[in-house]
Amino acid sequence: MGRLSAIAVHPIKSLDRHDRDRVTITPTGGLSGDRTYAIVDEAGEFVNGKRTAAVHRLRAILDPEQNRLELRVEGERSAETFHVEDDRQALNEWLSSYFGYSVTLDRRDGPELTDIPDPGPTVIARATLETAAGWFPGIDADELADRLRPNLIVDGVETFWADRLVPDGRVRIGDAVIEGSRPVPRCVVPSRDPRTGEVYDGFRETFIRERKELFPDWADATAFETYFSLMTATHAPEAARGADLAVGDRVELVDGSAH
C-alpha cells in the first residue's frame, strides 16, 4: 500500500507547477486547476516547451481565487501582475513582447490541453523519481519531477510501480478508482533545465539506456512504444468524477493490477 505524497497541477500549459493539498476530479476526468489556460499564436498553435525553450525561463504564479497571474522572467527581480480576465489585452501584450511574436492566453475547458488522449492525472512513484535522478549527476528527484511534470506522486511503493497500471491496471486513491491508460512517452522537454531551458547533454540517451536495463520483468513491455517514459497516464471513469484526491490518501492497486 502506498500514500499520495504530492499533487501538482499546471494552470497554464507548459508553465510552472502549483502544488496542491487537495484537488477534485473534473466532469471531463482531469484535475481541477490543471491546464486551464494555454498560450497560443495567431494560428492557434500552442506555445510550449516542444516549440521553444523560452517557456522554461518564464515564472508564472496564478491565484485561482483572485484570478491574478504574476509573471516574471527567470533571473529578474521585477514581476508583472495581471487579472487574467480584466487585464487580458495588457497580459497578451506582455507575453507577445516576451516571446517576440503575437500570442494570446486562451482558456480552454475540457481535455484538449493535454498531450495525450486521456485527460486523467499522470502518476509516478517517488521511488522511480529517486532512482532515475541517480542517472543524472546534479539532478535530484524534485528537479526530475519538474522535468517530467507528473500530477500525482506516490510514496511507499516500488520503483517503476506505475508500470503496473498499463495496459489495463486500476488503482484506488482515497475513494476514487482510476484506470491505467498508457505510458507517457517524453519529448525534448525533460532534457532541459526546467528553469533556464539549458540542455543536459546526453539526457535522452542515458535515460533510455538505464530505463531499458532496469525495466522490470513483471511489466508488459509490449505496452511501451519507447523506453523514454517513466510515468503513466490514467483515465477517470464516470464513477470517479467529482471525487476529491488529497495528499496522504491511501493508494492501492485494485483486483488483478499487480502482474
Protein backbone atom coordinates (compact mmCIF):
# COMPACT_ATOMS: atom_id res chain seq x y z
CA MET A 1 0.00 0.00 0.00
CA GLY A 2 1.21 3.49 -0.82
CA ARG A 3 0.28 7.04 0.04
CA LEU A 4 -0.33 10.01 -2.20
CA SER A 5 2.60 12.25 -1.28
CA ALA A 6 2.25 15.12 -3.77
CA ILE A 7 -0.29 16.66 -6.12
CA ALA A 8 0.78 19.10 -8.83
CA VAL A 9 -1.30 20.99 -11.36
CA HIS A 10 -0.11 23.23 -14.18
CA PRO A 11 -2.71 26.01 -14.52
CA ILE A 12 -1.09 27.27 -17.73
CA LYS A 13 0.00 24.60 -20.17
CA SER A 14 3.83 24.25 -20.22
CA LEU A 15 4.41 26.73 -17.40
CA ASP A 16 5.13 26.32 -13.66
CA ARG A 17 3.57 23.65 -11.48
CA HIS A 18 1.45 24.57 -8.48
CA ASP A 19 1.42 22.13 -5.56
CA ARG A 20 -1.96 21.31 -4.02
CA ASP A 21 -3.06 19.53 -0.87
CA ARG A 22 -6.37 18.53 -2.45
CA VAL A 23 -7.94 18.53 -5.93
CA THR A 24 -11.21 17.40 -7.46
CA ILE A 25 -11.54 15.14 -10.49
CA THR A 26 -13.45 17.23 -13.02
CA PRO A 27 -16.50 16.20 -15.08
CA THR A 28 -14.18 15.55 -18.04
CA GLY A 29 -11.79 13.39 -15.97
CA GLY A 30 -8.92 15.80 -15.40
CA LEU A 31 -7.87 17.59 -12.21
CA SER A 32 -9.36 20.90 -11.13
CA GLY A 33 -6.98 23.73 -11.96
CA ASP A 34 -4.80 21.68 -14.28
CA ARG A 35 -4.10 23.14 -17.74
CA THR A 36 -6.94 25.60 -17.65
CA TYR A 37 -5.08 28.04 -19.91
CA ALA A 38 -2.67 27.83 -22.82
CA ILE A 39 -0.54 30.34 -24.69
CA VAL A 40 -1.27 30.20 -28.43
CA ASP A 41 -0.01 32.04 -31.51
CA GLU A 42 -2.07 33.72 -34.22
CA ALA A 43 -2.58 30.37 -35.94
CA GLY A 44 -3.94 28.84 -32.75
CA GLU A 45 -0.85 26.67 -32.25
CA PHE A 46 0.40 26.05 -28.71
CA VAL A 47 3.47 27.91 -27.49
CA ASN A 48 5.01 25.12 -25.42
CA GLY A 49 8.28 23.51 -24.43
CA LYS A 50 8.40 21.37 -27.55
CA ARG A 51 8.40 24.54 -29.62
CA THR A 52 10.61 26.93 -27.65
CA ALA A 53 12.89 26.75 -24.62
CA ALA A 54 11.74 30.28 -23.71
CA VAL A 55 8.81 28.82 -21.77
CA HIS A 56 11.26 27.40 -19.21
CA ARG A 57 12.52 30.88 -18.27
CA LEU A 58 9.04 32.21 -17.61
CA ARG A 59 7.90 32.07 -13.98
CA ALA A 60 4.13 32.08 -13.56
CA ILE A 61 2.06 32.10 -10.36
CA LEU A 62 -1.72 32.02 -10.79
CA ASP A 63 -4.04 32.79 -7.89
CA PRO A 64 -7.24 30.97 -8.94
CA GLU A 65 -9.38 32.67 -6.31
CA GLN A 66 -8.36 36.20 -7.26
CA ASN A 67 -7.83 35.36 -10.95
CA ARG A 68 -4.48 37.10 -10.79
CA LEU A 69 -1.39 35.98 -12.67
CA GLU A 70 2.14 37.04 -11.70
CA LEU A 71 4.74 36.75 -14.45
CA ARG A 72 8.49 37.10 -14.09
CA VAL A 73 11.48 36.20 -16.22
CA GLU A 74 13.96 33.87 -14.53
CA GLY A 75 16.88 35.84 -13.10
CA GLU A 76 14.97 39.13 -12.96
CA ARG A 77 13.56 40.59 -9.76
CA SER A 78 10.70 42.60 -11.19
CA ALA A 79 7.35 40.92 -11.86
CA GLU A 80 4.12 41.98 -13.51
CA THR A 81 0.69 41.06 -12.18
CA PHE A 82 -2.45 40.85 -14.30
CA HIS A 83 -6.07 39.97 -13.76
CA VAL A 84 -6.45 37.15 -16.29
CA GLU A 85 -9.85 38.41 -17.46
CA ASP A 86 -9.93 42.18 -16.89
CA ASP A 87 -6.31 42.76 -17.98
CA ARG A 88 -6.27 40.28 -20.87
CA GLN A 89 -5.11 42.78 -23.51
CA ALA A 90 -2.19 44.01 -21.39
CA LEU A 91 -1.36 40.42 -20.46
CA ASN A 92 -1.28 39.35 -24.10
CA GLU A 93 0.92 42.32 -24.98
CA TRP A 94 3.39 41.38 -22.22
CA LEU A 95 3.52 37.76 -23.38
CA SER A 96 3.90 38.81 -27.02
CA SER A 97 6.80 41.07 -26.11
CA TYR A 98 8.46 38.24 -24.18
CA PHE A 99 8.16 35.64 -26.94
CA GLY A 100 8.84 38.08 -29.76
CA TYR A 101 5.66 37.38 -31.74
CA SER A 102 1.92 37.79 -31.24
CA VAL A 103 0.43 35.35 -28.72
CA THR A 104 -2.64 35.22 -26.52
CA LEU A 105 -3.59 33.45 -23.30
CA ASP A 106 -6.60 31.27 -24.04
CA ARG A 107 -8.90 29.44 -21.66
CA ARG A 108 -9.99 26.05 -22.90
CA ASP A 109 -12.28 23.75 -20.95
CA GLY A 110 -12.01 20.00 -21.14
CA PRO A 111 -9.18 17.66 -22.08
CA GLU A 112 -7.81 19.41 -25.18
CA LEU A 113 -4.80 20.92 -23.41
CA THR A 114 -3.20 17.58 -22.59
CA ASP A 115 -0.74 15.97 -24.98
CA ILE A 116 -2.25 12.52 -24.51
CA PRO A 117 -5.71 11.22 -25.45
CA ASP A 118 -6.86 10.56 -21.89
CA PRO A 119 -7.12 13.66 -19.67
CA GLY A 120 -6.77 11.77 -16.38
CA PRO A 121 -3.93 12.58 -13.97
CA THR A 122 -0.44 11.25 -14.68
CA VAL A 123 1.07 9.06 -11.96
CA ILE A 124 4.59 8.17 -10.86
CA ALA A 125 6.24 6.62 -7.78
CA ARG A 126 8.58 8.66 -5.62
CA ALA A 127 10.98 5.71 -5.74
CA THR A 128 11.03 5.97 -9.54
CA LEU A 129 12.00 9.64 -9.38
CA GLU A 130 14.74 8.88 -6.87
CA THR A 131 16.13 6.01 -8.92
CA ALA A 132 16.05 7.93 -12.21
CA ALA A 133 17.58 11.05 -10.66
CA GLY A 134 20.60 8.89 -9.85
CA TRP A 135 21.22 8.52 -13.59
CA PHE A 136 22.00 12.23 -13.87
CA PRO A 137 24.66 13.89 -11.69
CA GLY A 138 23.39 17.24 -10.44
CA ILE A 139 19.70 16.38 -10.76
CA ASP A 140 17.66 15.36 -7.69
CA ALA A 141 14.21 13.78 -7.50
CA ASP A 142 12.42 17.12 -7.12
CA GLU A 143 14.07 18.59 -10.22
CA LEU A 144 13.32 15.43 -12.18
CA ALA A 145 9.65 15.82 -11.21
CA ASP A 146 9.77 19.36 -12.61
CA ARG A 147 11.23 17.97 -15.84
CA LEU A 148 8.66 15.17 -16.18
CA ARG A 149 5.66 17.14 -14.82
CA PRO A 150 3.56 14.34 -13.22
CA ASN A 151 0.30 15.20 -11.46
CA LEU A 152 0.43 12.57 -8.71
CA ILE A 153 3.45 11.20 -6.84
CA VAL A 154 3.04 8.07 -4.70
CA ASP A 155 5.24 7.14 -1.74
CA GLY A 156 5.67 3.69 -0.22
CA VAL A 157 5.64 1.74 -3.49
CA GLU A 158 8.39 0.19 -5.59
CA THR A 159 10.46 1.75 -8.33
CA PHE A 160 8.54 1.71 -11.65
CA TRP A 161 5.33 0.94 -9.74
CA ALA A 162 3.26 2.96 -12.26
CA ASP A 163 4.20 0.38 -14.93
CA ARG A 164 1.72 -1.93 -13.18
CA LEU A 165 -1.12 0.28 -14.40
CA VAL A 166 -0.55 -0.45 -18.10
CA PRO A 167 -2.17 -1.61 -20.17
CA ASP A 168 -5.27 -2.24 -18.01
CA GLY A 169 -4.47 -1.77 -14.30
CA ARG A 170 -6.66 0.07 -11.82
CA VAL A 171 -5.71 1.98 -8.69
CA ARG A 172 -7.74 3.30 -5.77
CA ILE A 173 -6.64 6.69 -4.43
CA GLY A 174 -8.75 7.62 -1.43
CA ASP A 175 -12.32 6.89 -2.55
CA ALA A 176 -11.66 7.18 -6.28
CA VAL A 177 -10.76 4.28 -8.58
CA ILE A 178 -8.98 5.35 -11.76
CA GLU A 179 -7.77 3.24 -14.64
CA GLY A 180 -4.32 2.95 -16.16
CA SER A 181 -4.28 4.14 -19.73
CA ARG A 182 -0.82 4.20 -21.32
CA PRO A 183 2.82 5.04 -20.63
CA VAL A 184 3.60 8.70 -21.30
CA PRO A 185 6.34 8.98 -23.97
CA ARG A 186 8.53 12.02 -23.49
CA CYS A 187 9.72 14.73 -25.85
CA VAL A 188 12.65 17.15 -25.68
CA VAL A 189 11.29 18.94 -22.60
CA PRO A 190 12.75 16.69 -19.83
CA SER A 191 16.25 17.13 -21.29
CA ARG A 192 16.13 20.86 -20.49
CA ASP A 193 16.65 22.62 -17.16
CA PRO A 194 13.08 23.46 -16.08
CA ARG A 195 14.09 26.99 -15.01
CA THR A 196 16.59 28.03 -17.66
CA GLY A 197 15.98 25.82 -20.67
CA GLU A 198 19.63 24.73 -20.76
CA VAL A 199 20.04 21.29 -22.35
CA TYR A 200 21.51 18.44 -20.29
CA ASP A 201 23.90 16.73 -22.71
CA GLY A 202 23.08 13.07 -23.35
CA PHE A 203 19.92 13.14 -21.24
CA ARG A 204 17.73 11.16 -23.61
CA GLU A 205 20.39 8.57 -24.44
CA THR A 206 21.22 7.99 -20.76
CA PHE A 207 17.55 7.82 -19.83
CA ILE A 208 16.74 5.19 -22.47
CA ARG A 209 19.82 3.07 -21.69
CA GLU A 210 19.15 2.98 -17.93
CA ARG A 211 15.41 2.51 -18.29
CA LYS A 212 15.89 -0.42 -20.66
CA GLU A 213 18.47 -2.05 -18.41
CA LEU A 214 16.26 -1.74 -15.30
CA PHE A 215 12.92 -2.44 -16.97
CA PRO A 216 11.04 -4.76 -14.58
CA ASP A 217 10.43 -8.32 -15.74
CA TRP A 218 6.84 -8.15 -14.42
CA ALA A 219 5.93 -5.18 -16.66
CA ASP A 220 4.28 -5.55 -20.07
CA ALA A 221 6.95 -4.35 -22.50
CA THR A 222 4.53 -4.57 -25.42
CA ALA A 223 2.59 -1.63 -23.95
CA PHE A 224 5.60 0.68 -24.32
CA GLU A 225 6.41 2.41 -27.60
CA THR A 226 9.67 3.74 -26.17
CA TYR A 227 11.84 3.42 -23.06
CA PHE A 228 11.82 7.23 -22.86
CA SER A 229 8.93 7.03 -20.41
CA LEU A 230 8.55 6.84 -16.63
CA MET A 231 5.02 7.88 -15.71
CA THR A 232 1.58 6.55 -16.58
CA ALA A 233 -1.45 8.35 -17.96
CA THR A 234 -4.81 7.43 -16.45
CA HIS A 235 -8.49 7.57 -17.26
CA ALA A 236 -11.05 8.61 -14.66
CA PRO A 237 -14.32 6.74 -15.27
CA GLU A 238 -17.67 8.38 -14.56
CA ALA A 239 -17.80 6.96 -11.04
CA ALA A 240 -14.55 8.74 -10.10
CA ARG A 241 -15.51 12.15 -11.47
CA GLY A 242 -16.34 14.62 -8.75
CA ALA A 243 -14.20 12.75 -6.19
CA ASP A 244 -11.51 14.53 -4.21
CA LEU A 245 -7.88 13.43 -4.10
CA ALA A 246 -5.81 14.59 -1.13
CA VAL A 247 -2.19 14.34 -0.05
CA GLY A 248 -2.00 11.47 2.42
CA ASP A 249 -4.69 9.40 0.71
CA ARG A 250 -4.16 5.66 0.72
CA VAL A 251 -3.11 4.27 -2.68
CA GLU A 252 -3.57 0.62 -3.62
CA LEU A 253 -3.83 -1.45 -6.77
CA VAL A 254 -7.26 -2.94 -7.46
CA ASP A 255 -8.04 -6.54 -8.44
CA GLY A 256 -5.52 -8.01 -10.88
CA SER A 257 -3.48 -4.84 -11.47
CA ALA A 258 -0.32 -6.34 -9.96
CA HIS A 259 1.22 -8.53 -12.65
